[in-house]
Amino acid sequence: MTMPSLATIAKLVALVLLIGLALSTPGFLSRPSLTALANAMSLVGCVALAMTFVTIGGNIMSFSLGATASVAGIVFMAMLGHGFLAAALAAVLAGTVITALQGSIIGALRANPIIVSLAAYALLIGLTQIIVGPKMDAPNLDYQFLKGRLGGIPVSFLVFAALTVLAQLIVTFTRFGHELMLVGSNARAAEAAGIHVSRVTVIAYALAGVLSGIGGILIAARFGSADMQTARGFEYTAIAAVLIGGTAIGGGRGSMVQSFLGMAAIVVINALVLLQGFSMEFQRLTVGLAVLAVVILQGLGRRN
């Protein structure tokens, strides 16, 4: 009988402790609290799913996905005068183009993905501020349904859950998903096996852009406006969700469902910290310690 790994045991212990703390915290299971958790998950969760495509493909992470979501939100608000569908398509297209271009540079030139994403982040911030200005509002109320509920569940959360299922199906059952795992595990071996690594990288980044674009729409609809600060810092939370969920930082292993659960763990931790009376700084400390623990456990797992 195979003994469970140290990482598996640590995850189970952490899960039991988290559930126990949640059940023992007054107000955590109240309807307003659970609704707030669902909304929080959906807003950052789309960026976390986007980050998962990047990480599984062996490109570690992207620091421009939050900015991409912000740009998509701005495009969505700017295009609402042409109708909701046109605005949504324009926003998703903007996100896709932004990230696909990064994927093309990384795939074709073997450029460092982190450096490329940092450059993209700076360019997006600068160009958007020059072209658009500080903020974009829209009087059009076509997006209000995204702030509503269906069967008591926030629509934004249902969108996030549906995207998780769709993205997981892509990773699990498509040729691209299989190739993405192989490229993330060993890009040189994948190329030697006849896989077009550059093409896989571009597709992964393009899908990340689609998800970031949808996330930008949800964020803009939630706040009724959009600017480059709207999704600021989302990429860091997304990275934390991906790693806490168990996706390998070196690529080649992970899933969208894991990132969904990682996102759930983060919002639960943040909610418990606030309900226990601690500050937001303590939230960041707790999540940071969780990510550090995951990275250490992954490192120990590779050594063993």
Protein backbone atom coordinates (compact mmCIF):
# COMPACT_ATOMS: atom_id res chain seq x y z
CA MET A 1 0.00 0.00 0.00
CA THR A 2 1.42 3.38 -1.02
CA MET A 3 1.85 5.89 1.77
CA PRO A 4 0.48 9.40 1.13
CA SER A 5 3.09 12.05 0.41
CA LEU A 6 4.03 14.80 2.84
CA ALA A 7 2.31 17.35 0.59
CA THR A 8 -0.93 15.33 0.60
CA ILE A 9 -0.90 14.99 4.38
CA ALA A 10 -0.19 18.70 4.81
CA LYS A 11 -3.09 19.62 2.48
CA LEU A 12 -5.50 17.36 4.38
CA VAL A 13 -4.44 18.83 7.74
CA ALA A 14 -4.78 22.38 6.40
CA LEU A 15 -8.23 21.57 4.94
CA VAL A 16 -9.48 20.11 8.23
CA LEU A 17 -8.20 23.12 10.17
CA LEU A 18 -9.77 25.55 7.68
CA ILE A 19 -13.15 23.81 7.80
CA GLY A 20 -13.06 23.63 11.59
CA LEU A 21 -12.21 27.32 11.90
CA ALA A 22 -14.93 28.26 9.41
CA LEU A 23 -17.62 26.27 11.24
CA SER A 24 -16.60 27.75 14.58
CA THR A 25 -16.57 31.39 13.38
CA PRO A 26 -19.85 33.23 14.09
CA GLY A 27 -21.49 34.67 11.00
CA PHE A 28 -19.38 32.77 8.49
CA LEU A 29 -22.25 30.57 7.25
CA SER A 30 -24.76 33.41 7.06
CA ARG A 31 -26.33 34.12 3.67
CA PRO A 32 -24.71 37.58 3.25
CA SER A 33 -21.31 36.13 4.11
CA LEU A 34 -21.60 33.26 1.63
CA THR A 35 -22.88 35.63 -1.09
CA ALA A 36 -19.91 37.93 -0.50
CA LEU A 37 -17.56 34.94 -0.74
CA ALA A 38 -19.12 33.82 -4.03
CA ASN A 39 -18.79 37.32 -5.51
CA ALA A 40 -15.18 37.63 -4.37
CA MET A 41 -14.33 34.25 -5.89
CA SER A 42 -15.83 35.09 -9.25
CA LEU A 43 -14.09 38.44 -9.70
CA VAL A 44 -10.56 37.17 -9.15
CA GLY A 45 -11.33 33.59 -10.12
CA CYS A 46 -11.41 34.21 -13.87
CA VAL A 47 -7.89 35.63 -13.68
CA ALA A 48 -6.85 32.56 -11.65
CA LEU A 49 -8.16 30.27 -14.40
CA ALA A 50 -6.25 32.35 -16.94
CA MET A 51 -3.10 32.05 -14.83
CA THR A 52 -3.56 28.26 -14.71
CA PHE A 53 -3.23 27.96 -18.50
CA VAL A 54 0.01 29.95 -18.33
CA THR A 55 1.44 27.99 -15.39
CA ILE A 56 0.54 24.51 -16.65
CA GLY A 57 2.29 25.39 -19.92
CA GLY A 58 5.58 25.90 -18.07
CA ASN A 59 5.64 29.71 -18.24
CA ILE A 60 5.39 30.07 -14.44
CA MET A 61 3.10 33.11 -14.22
CA SER A 62 2.04 36.36 -15.88
CA PHE A 63 2.07 39.70 -14.10
CA SER A 64 -0.03 41.36 -16.79
CA LEU A 65 -3.30 39.40 -16.48
CA GLY A 66 -4.77 41.81 -13.93
CA ALA A 67 -3.98 44.74 -16.20
CA THR A 68 -5.44 42.80 -19.13
CA ALA A 69 -8.68 42.36 -17.19
CA SER A 70 -8.70 46.10 -16.45
CA VAL A 71 -8.25 46.95 -20.13
CA ALA A 72 -11.04 44.53 -21.06
CA GLY A 73 -13.30 46.23 -18.51
CA ILE A 74 -12.53 49.63 -19.99
CA VAL A 75 -13.25 48.37 -23.52
CA PHE A 76 -16.50 46.83 -22.29
CA MET A 77 -17.65 50.09 -20.73
CA ALA A 78 -16.58 52.10 -23.79
CA MET A 79 -18.51 49.84 -26.18
CA LEU A 80 -21.75 49.51 -24.22
CA GLY A 81 -23.37 52.12 -26.42
CA HIS A 82 -23.33 49.50 -29.18
CA GLY A 83 -25.13 46.92 -27.04
CA PHE A 84 -24.09 44.37 -24.44
CA LEU A 85 -23.10 41.62 -26.88
CA ALA A 86 -20.88 43.89 -28.98
CA ALA A 87 -19.26 45.30 -25.83
CA ALA A 88 -18.63 41.84 -24.38
CA LEU A 89 -17.13 40.53 -27.64
CA ALA A 90 -14.89 43.59 -27.94
CA ALA A 91 -13.68 43.16 -24.37
CA VAL A 92 -12.88 39.47 -24.82
CA LEU A 93 -11.17 40.20 -28.15
CA ALA A 94 -9.04 42.88 -26.50
CA GLY A 95 -7.94 40.48 -23.78
CA THR A 96 -7.20 37.74 -26.30
CA VAL A 97 -5.08 39.97 -28.55
CA ILE A 98 -3.09 41.37 -25.62
CA THR A 99 -2.10 37.99 -24.24
CA ALA A 100 -1.74 36.21 -27.60
CA LEU A 101 0.87 38.79 -28.61
CA GLN A 102 2.79 38.01 -25.43
CA GLY A 103 2.49 34.29 -26.15
CA SER A 104 3.83 34.85 -29.67
CA ILE A 105 6.91 36.64 -28.34
CA ILE A 106 7.51 34.00 -25.68
CA GLY A 107 6.90 31.09 -28.03
CA ALA A 108 8.79 32.33 -31.07
CA LEU A 109 11.75 34.00 -29.34
CA ARG A 110 11.93 31.80 -26.22
CA ALA A 111 11.77 35.05 -24.27
CA ASN A 112 11.52 35.01 -20.48
CA PRO A 113 7.77 34.95 -19.76
CA ILE A 114 8.04 36.97 -16.55
CA ILE A 115 10.02 39.76 -18.23
CA VAL A 116 7.56 39.82 -21.13
CA SER A 117 4.60 40.06 -18.77
CA LEU A 118 6.22 42.86 -16.76
CA ALA A 119 6.88 44.79 -19.98
CA ALA A 120 3.29 44.19 -21.08
CA TYR A 121 2.02 45.39 -17.70
CA ALA A 122 3.95 48.65 -17.99
CA LEU A 123 2.82 49.20 -21.58
CA LEU A 124 -0.84 48.54 -20.74
CA ILE A 125 -0.80 50.92 -17.79
CA GLY A 126 0.95 53.70 -19.72
CA LEU A 127 -0.93 53.46 -23.01
CA THR A 128 -4.36 53.13 -21.41
CA GLN A 129 -3.80 56.16 -19.21
CA ILE A 130 -2.73 58.20 -22.24
CA ILE A 131 -5.50 57.03 -24.59
CA VAL A 132 -8.48 56.62 -22.25
CA GLY A 133 -7.76 58.70 -19.18
CA PRO A 134 -8.24 57.88 -15.53
CA LYS A 135 -11.69 56.24 -15.60
CA MET A 136 -14.44 54.94 -17.86
CA ASP A 137 -18.11 55.02 -16.83
CA ALA A 138 -21.18 53.91 -18.75
CA PRO A 139 -24.79 54.96 -18.16
CA ASN A 140 -25.98 51.88 -20.06
CA LEU A 141 -27.55 49.40 -17.62
CA ASP A 142 -27.53 46.34 -19.90
CA TYR A 143 -24.94 44.70 -17.69
CA GLN A 144 -26.98 44.87 -14.49
CA PHE A 145 -28.05 41.23 -14.78
CA LEU A 146 -24.44 40.26 -14.08
CA LYS A 147 -24.88 41.74 -10.59
CA GLY A 148 -28.04 39.74 -9.96
CA ARG A 149 -28.76 36.25 -8.66
CA LEU A 150 -30.17 33.09 -10.17
CA GLY A 151 -31.75 30.74 -7.65
CA GLY A 152 -30.13 32.76 -4.89
CA ILE A 153 -26.64 32.29 -6.37
CA PRO A 154 -24.77 35.31 -7.80
CA VAL A 155 -24.72 35.26 -11.61
CA SER A 156 -21.03 36.16 -11.62
CA PHE A 157 -20.26 33.03 -9.57
CA LEU A 158 -22.28 30.87 -11.97
CA VAL A 159 -20.25 32.32 -14.85
CA PHE A 160 -17.02 31.54 -13.00
CA ALA A 161 -18.14 27.99 -12.23
CA ALA A 162 -19.17 27.40 -15.86
CA LEU A 163 -15.82 28.71 -17.10
CA THR A 164 -14.03 26.38 -14.67
CA VAL A 165 -15.88 23.38 -16.11
CA LEU A 166 -15.27 24.48 -19.71
CA ALA A 167 -11.57 25.17 -19.12
CA GLN A 168 -11.17 21.83 -17.35
CA LEU A 169 -12.78 20.03 -20.29
CA ILE A 170 -10.29 21.73 -22.62
CA VAL A 171 -7.33 20.68 -20.47
CA THR A 172 -8.55 17.12 -19.95
CA PHE A 173 -10.16 16.04 -23.22
CA THR A 174 -8.59 18.04 -26.06
CA ARG A 175 -5.39 17.45 -27.98
CA PHE A 176 -4.30 20.96 -27.02
CA GLY A 177 -4.72 20.16 -23.32
CA HIS A 178 -2.59 17.03 -23.67
CA GLU A 179 0.09 18.96 -25.56
CA LEU A 180 0.00 21.77 -22.98
CA MET A 181 0.80 19.29 -20.21
CA LEU A 182 3.67 17.81 -22.22
CA VAL A 183 5.11 21.24 -23.05
CA GLY A 184 4.87 22.27 -19.41
CA SER A 185 6.60 19.08 -18.28
CA ASN A 186 9.48 19.34 -20.75
CA ALA A 187 9.35 21.72 -23.70
CA ARG A 188 12.43 20.25 -25.40
CA ALA A 189 11.10 16.71 -25.17
CA ALA A 190 7.71 17.88 -26.43
CA GLU A 191 9.34 19.57 -29.42
CA ALA A 192 11.36 16.44 -30.14
CA ALA A 193 8.09 14.50 -30.12
CA GLY A 194 6.74 16.72 -32.90
CA ILE A 195 4.66 19.13 -30.83
CA HIS A 196 4.66 22.72 -32.08
CA VAL A 197 5.64 24.38 -28.79
CA SER A 198 5.20 27.93 -30.08
CA ARG A 199 1.66 27.22 -31.25
CA VAL A 200 0.71 25.63 -27.93
CA THR A 201 2.14 28.62 -26.06
CA VAL A 202 0.20 31.12 -28.18
CA ILE A 203 -3.05 29.20 -27.69
CA ALA A 204 -2.49 28.97 -23.93
CA TYR A 205 -1.94 32.72 -23.70
CA ALA A 206 -4.89 33.44 -25.98
CA LEU A 207 -7.18 31.35 -23.75
CA ALA A 208 -5.77 33.19 -20.75
CA GLY A 209 -6.75 36.42 -22.50
CA VAL A 210 -10.29 35.18 -23.10
CA LEU A 211 -10.71 34.35 -19.41
CA SER A 212 -9.12 37.62 -18.31
CA GLY A 213 -11.43 39.48 -20.68
CA ILE A 214 -14.50 37.83 -19.16
CA GLY A 215 -13.13 38.60 -15.72
CA GLY A 216 -12.77 42.25 -16.74
CA ILE A 217 -16.42 42.32 -17.82
CA LEU A 218 -17.56 40.89 -14.47
CA ILE A 219 -15.41 43.38 -12.57
CA ALA A 220 -16.61 46.38 -14.58
CA ALA A 221 -20.24 45.27 -14.22
CA ARG A 222 -19.79 44.82 -10.49
CA PHE A 223 -18.45 48.33 -9.89
CA GLY A 224 -20.27 50.13 -12.72
CA SER A 225 -17.02 51.63 -13.98
CA ALA A 226 -13.56 50.61 -15.09
CA ASP A 227 -10.02 51.93 -14.87
CA MET A 228 -6.53 50.51 -14.65
CA GLN A 229 -6.86 50.20 -10.87
CA THR A 230 -9.96 48.00 -11.07
CA ALA A 231 -8.11 44.68 -11.18
CA ARG A 232 -4.88 45.90 -9.64
CA GLY A 233 -3.21 43.14 -7.67
CA PHE A 234 -5.52 40.44 -9.01
CA GLU A 235 -2.61 38.66 -10.64
CA TYR A 236 -0.96 38.13 -7.24
CA THR A 237 -4.12 36.63 -5.76
CA ALA A 238 -4.50 34.52 -8.91
CA ILE A 239 -0.96 33.19 -8.57
CA ALA A 240 -1.66 32.34 -4.93
CA ALA A 241 -4.86 30.49 -5.89
CA VAL A 242 -3.08 28.49 -8.58
CA LEU A 243 -0.25 27.44 -6.25
CA ILE A 244 -2.45 26.76 -3.21
CA GLY A 245 -4.67 24.68 -5.50
CA GLY A 246 -1.69 22.46 -6.25
CA THR A 247 -0.69 23.33 -9.80
CA ALA A 248 3.05 22.73 -10.18
CA ILE A 249 4.96 26.00 -10.38
CA GLY A 250 7.26 24.44 -12.99
CA GLY A 251 4.34 23.42 -15.20
CA GLY A 252 3.11 20.11 -16.55
CA ARG A 253 0.73 19.32 -13.70
CA GLY A 254 -2.45 20.94 -12.42
CA SER A 255 -6.08 21.58 -13.22
CA MET A 256 -8.75 24.26 -13.35
CA VAL A 257 -10.70 22.55 -10.57
CA GLN A 258 -7.63 22.79 -8.35
CA SER A 259 -7.39 26.52 -9.05
CA PHE A 260 -11.12 26.86 -8.29
CA LEU A 261 -10.54 25.20 -4.91
CA GLY A 262 -7.42 27.29 -4.34
CA MET A 263 -9.45 30.43 -5.00
CA ALA A 264 -12.11 29.19 -2.57
CA ALA A 265 -9.45 28.60 0.08
CA ILE A 266 -8.11 32.14 -0.29
CA VAL A 267 -11.49 33.87 0.00
CA VAL A 268 -12.36 31.70 3.00
CA ILE A 269 -9.06 32.57 4.67
CA ASN A 270 -9.59 36.28 3.99
CA ALA A 271 -13.16 36.15 5.33
CA LEU A 272 -12.11 34.30 8.48
CA VAL A 273 -9.31 36.75 9.14
CA LEU A 274 -11.74 39.68 8.93
CA LEU A 275 -14.42 37.95 11.00
CA GLN A 276 -11.82 37.17 13.66
CA GLY A 277 -11.10 40.90 13.88
CA PHE A 278 -7.70 41.00 12.18
CA SER A 279 -6.59 43.62 9.62
CA MET A 280 -6.22 43.27 5.85
CA GLU A 281 -2.44 43.21 6.34
CA PHE A 282 -2.90 39.99 8.31
CA GLN A 283 -4.87 38.64 5.32
CA ARG A 284 -1.88 39.16 3.06
CA LEU A 285 0.45 37.64 5.64
CA THR A 286 -1.71 34.52 5.98
CA VAL A 287 -2.05 33.98 2.23
CA GLY A 288 1.66 34.66 1.75
CA LEU A 289 2.55 32.03 4.35
CA ALA A 290 0.20 29.55 2.66
CA VAL A 291 1.85 30.12 -0.73
CA LEU A 292 5.32 29.79 0.79
CA ALA A 293 4.33 26.53 2.44
CA VAL A 294 3.04 25.17 -0.89
CA VAL A 295 6.24 26.14 -2.72
CA ILE A 296 8.37 24.47 -0.03
CA LEU A 297 6.24 21.30 -0.17
CA GLN A 298 6.48 21.21 -3.96
CA GLY A 299 10.25 21.57 -3.69
CA LEU A 300 10.48 18.75 -1.16
CA GLY A 301 8.29 16.61 -3.40
CA ARG A 302 10.63 17.11 -6.37
CA ARG A 303 13.64 16.19 -4.25
CA ASN A 304 11.99 12.99 -3.12
